[in-house]
Amino acid sequence: MKIIAFAGSPSKKSINKKLATYAAGLFENAQVEILDLNDYEMPLFSVDKEVVIGQHPLAKAFLEKIATADLLVVSLAENNGNYSAAFKNTVDWCSRINGKIFQEKPMLLMATSPGARGGASVLEIAKNNFPRFNADIKAVFSLPSFEANFDVETNVISNPEFDNQLKEIVRDFQI
């Protein structure tokens, strides 16, 4: 089984990338590839730029990576209650090539944040929006108060309650 995991954040210190990496590593007998949104940085989408550029090669590359996956592990950053601008821009460019961006791949959808809501707003938006782009969301997980519940030195969820919750999701995951 091949897992493509990524965070919807361009931050070099992305807490969502840490969570996605940890979660992807919980799946047994899986080949995991972690994508970095910075490798897919494109100009701000507009139809005017699309006329000049055409189908952006980085959007094509992102879609090709998604196509290789048996499972997607996605953890979204929440910026002002919504996706990060970088992630939204990637979606915008990709959707012009293939409106079915997530290509019916089973998905573990997650978010974390420094706050107690754990990215609840962006998760709600994604749960409603991603199926329009052919996401097959199988499970959703939120990790609140990242600094209090994740050990960045060992890269594991340090709160046993949340760690067990995620491990149960992974154990019961149906592809």
Protein backbone atom coordinates (compact mmCIF):
# COMPACT_ATOMS: atom_id res chain seq x y z
CA MET A 1 0.00 0.00 0.00
CA LYS A 2 1.31 3.44 -0.93
CA ILE A 3 0.40 6.42 1.22
CA ILE A 4 0.78 9.99 0.05
CA ALA A 5 0.72 12.32 3.06
CA PHE A 6 0.90 16.09 3.14
CA ALA A 7 -0.04 19.14 5.13
CA GLY A 8 -2.11 21.96 3.74
CA SER A 9 0.57 24.37 4.93
CA PRO A 10 3.70 25.88 3.39
CA SER A 11 5.33 26.39 6.80
CA LYS A 12 8.78 24.83 7.09
CA LYS A 13 7.86 24.06 10.73
CA SER A 14 4.34 22.90 9.93
CA ILE A 15 2.66 21.21 12.87
CA ASN A 16 0.20 19.68 10.40
CA LYS A 17 3.07 18.10 8.45
CA LYS A 18 4.31 16.60 11.73
CA LEU A 19 0.84 15.18 12.41
CA ALA A 20 0.43 13.84 8.86
CA THR A 21 3.86 12.21 9.00
CA TYR A 22 3.11 10.60 12.35
CA ALA A 23 -0.31 9.33 11.24
CA ALA A 24 0.99 7.93 7.95
CA GLY A 25 3.67 6.03 9.85
CA LEU A 26 1.02 4.24 11.92
CA PHE A 27 -0.20 2.25 8.92
CA GLU A 28 1.48 -1.16 8.79
CA ASN A 29 3.25 -2.44 5.68
CA ALA A 30 2.90 0.87 3.88
CA GLN A 31 5.25 2.80 1.67
CA VAL A 32 4.90 6.43 2.76
CA GLU A 33 5.76 9.49 0.70
CA ILE A 34 5.48 12.87 2.40
CA LEU A 35 4.82 15.77 0.06
CA ASP A 36 5.89 19.31 0.87
CA LEU A 37 3.50 21.98 -0.38
CA ASN A 38 6.52 24.23 -1.02
CA ASP A 39 7.53 21.89 -3.84
CA TYR A 40 4.29 22.86 -5.59
CA GLU A 41 4.45 26.64 -5.18
CA MET A 42 2.74 28.34 -8.09
CA PRO A 43 1.76 31.91 -8.85
CA LEU A 44 -1.59 33.03 -7.49
CA PHE A 45 -4.18 31.45 -9.76
CA SER A 46 -6.14 33.62 -12.16
CA VAL A 47 -7.68 32.88 -15.52
CA ASP A 48 -5.39 35.54 -17.00
CA LYS A 49 -2.31 33.67 -15.75
CA GLU A 50 -3.79 30.39 -16.91
CA VAL A 51 -4.05 31.80 -20.46
CA VAL A 52 -0.32 32.58 -20.39
CA ILE A 53 0.92 29.52 -18.46
CA GLY A 54 -1.63 26.92 -19.45
CA GLN A 55 -1.81 23.87 -17.22
CA HIS A 56 0.88 24.54 -14.64
CA PRO A 57 3.49 21.75 -14.61
CA LEU A 58 3.58 21.73 -10.79
CA ALA A 59 -0.17 21.20 -10.66
CA LYS A 60 0.26 18.29 -13.07
CA ALA A 61 3.04 16.89 -10.86
CA PHE A 62 0.85 17.17 -7.74
CA LEU A 63 -2.00 15.34 -9.47
CA GLU A 64 0.42 12.66 -10.66
CA LYS A 65 1.55 12.09 -7.06
CA ILE A 66 -2.07 11.77 -5.91
CA ALA A 67 -2.63 9.22 -8.69
CA THR A 68 0.11 6.97 -7.28
CA ALA A 69 -1.53 6.71 -3.86
CA ASP A 70 -3.65 3.96 -2.44
CA LEU A 71 -4.43 6.21 0.53
CA LEU A 72 -4.16 9.93 1.26
CA VAL A 73 -3.30 11.29 4.70
CA VAL A 74 -4.02 15.02 4.72
CA SER A 75 -3.67 17.40 7.65
CA LEU A 76 -4.92 20.92 7.06
CA ALA A 77 -3.62 24.10 8.58
CA GLU A 78 -6.30 26.55 9.61
CA ASN A 79 -5.69 30.17 8.66
CA ASN A 80 -8.43 32.51 9.84
CA GLY A 81 -10.89 29.62 9.91
CA ASN A 82 -10.10 28.39 6.39
CA TYR A 83 -7.47 26.65 4.25
CA SER A 84 -4.06 28.21 3.92
CA ALA A 85 -3.77 30.37 0.81
CA ALA A 86 -0.99 28.09 -0.47
CA PHE A 87 -3.18 24.98 -0.26
CA LYS A 88 -6.18 26.74 -1.81
CA ASN A 89 -3.96 27.94 -4.66
CA THR A 90 -2.76 24.38 -5.29
CA VAL A 91 -6.38 23.21 -5.39
CA ASP A 92 -7.28 26.03 -7.78
CA TRP A 93 -4.51 25.18 -10.26
CA CYS A 94 -5.13 21.42 -10.01
CA SER A 95 -8.89 21.73 -10.46
CA ARG A 96 -8.37 23.34 -13.85
CA ILE A 97 -6.62 20.17 -15.01
CA ASN A 98 -8.74 17.59 -13.20
CA GLY A 99 -11.80 18.57 -11.18
CA LYS A 100 -11.49 15.21 -9.45
CA ILE A 101 -8.29 16.24 -7.67
CA PHE A 102 -8.40 13.52 -5.01
CA GLN A 103 -9.23 10.85 -7.60
CA GLU A 104 -11.53 8.79 -5.34
CA LYS A 105 -8.60 7.90 -3.08
CA PRO A 106 -9.51 6.89 0.47
CA MET A 107 -8.53 9.75 2.78
CA LEU A 108 -7.72 10.25 6.42
CA LEU A 109 -8.52 13.93 6.89
CA MET A 110 -6.97 15.69 9.86
CA ALA A 111 -6.07 19.05 11.34
CA THR A 112 -4.22 20.38 14.32
CA SER A 113 -3.64 23.84 15.68
CA PRO A 114 -2.15 25.55 18.71
CA GLY A 115 -5.69 26.26 19.91
CA ALA A 116 -8.22 24.11 21.72
CA ARG A 117 -10.46 23.66 18.64
CA GLY A 118 -7.78 21.75 16.70
CA GLY A 119 -8.65 23.16 13.29
CA ALA A 120 -12.36 22.39 13.66
CA SER A 121 -13.41 25.13 11.21
CA VAL A 122 -11.13 24.03 8.38
CA LEU A 123 -12.11 20.39 8.94
CA GLU A 124 -15.78 21.29 8.61
CA ILE A 125 -15.10 23.17 5.38
CA ALA A 126 -13.01 20.31 3.99
CA LYS A 127 -15.56 17.63 4.95
CA ASN A 128 -18.16 19.54 2.92
CA ASN A 129 -15.89 20.61 0.06
CA PHE A 130 -13.46 17.74 -0.62
CA PRO A 131 -16.10 15.27 -1.88
CA ARG A 132 -16.76 17.73 -4.72
CA PHE A 133 -13.17 17.05 -5.75
CA ASN A 134 -13.67 13.26 -5.47
CA ALA A 135 -12.24 12.74 -2.00
CA ASP A 136 -13.36 9.54 -0.32
CA ILE A 137 -13.08 10.71 3.29
CA LYS A 138 -13.03 7.58 5.44
CA ALA A 139 -12.12 9.17 8.78
CA VAL A 140 -11.54 12.57 10.37
CA PHE A 141 -9.22 13.37 13.26
CA SER A 142 -8.54 16.62 15.11
CA LEU A 143 -5.65 17.19 17.50
CA PRO A 144 -6.30 20.25 19.68
CA SER A 145 -3.62 22.27 21.46
CA PHE A 146 -0.71 20.86 19.46
CA GLU A 147 2.05 21.99 21.82
CA ALA A 148 0.36 20.33 24.81
CA ASN A 149 -0.49 17.09 22.99
CA PHE A 150 2.42 16.38 20.60
CA ASP A 151 6.05 15.77 21.49
CA VAL A 152 8.11 17.42 18.75
CA GLU A 153 11.33 15.78 19.94
CA THR A 154 10.02 12.24 19.48
CA ASN A 155 7.41 13.19 16.84
CA VAL A 156 4.53 11.37 18.50
CA ILE A 157 1.22 12.35 20.05
CA SER A 158 2.05 12.62 23.75
CA ASN A 159 -1.52 12.64 25.05
CA PRO A 160 -2.55 8.96 25.40
CA GLU A 161 -6.23 9.70 24.83
CA PHE A 162 -5.63 11.39 21.47
CA ASP A 163 -2.91 8.93 20.49
CA ASN A 164 -5.22 5.97 21.14
CA GLN A 165 -8.02 7.68 19.23
CA LEU A 166 -5.81 8.10 16.14
CA LYS A 167 -4.40 4.58 16.44
CA GLU A 168 -7.95 3.20 16.59
CA ILE A 169 -8.87 5.15 13.45
CA VAL A 170 -5.84 3.71 11.66
CA ARG A 171 -6.52 0.19 12.94
CA ASP A 172 -10.14 0.33 11.70
CA PHE A 173 -9.35 2.11 8.43
CA GLN A 174 -11.05 0.47 5.46
CA ILE A 175 -9.63 0.90 1.97
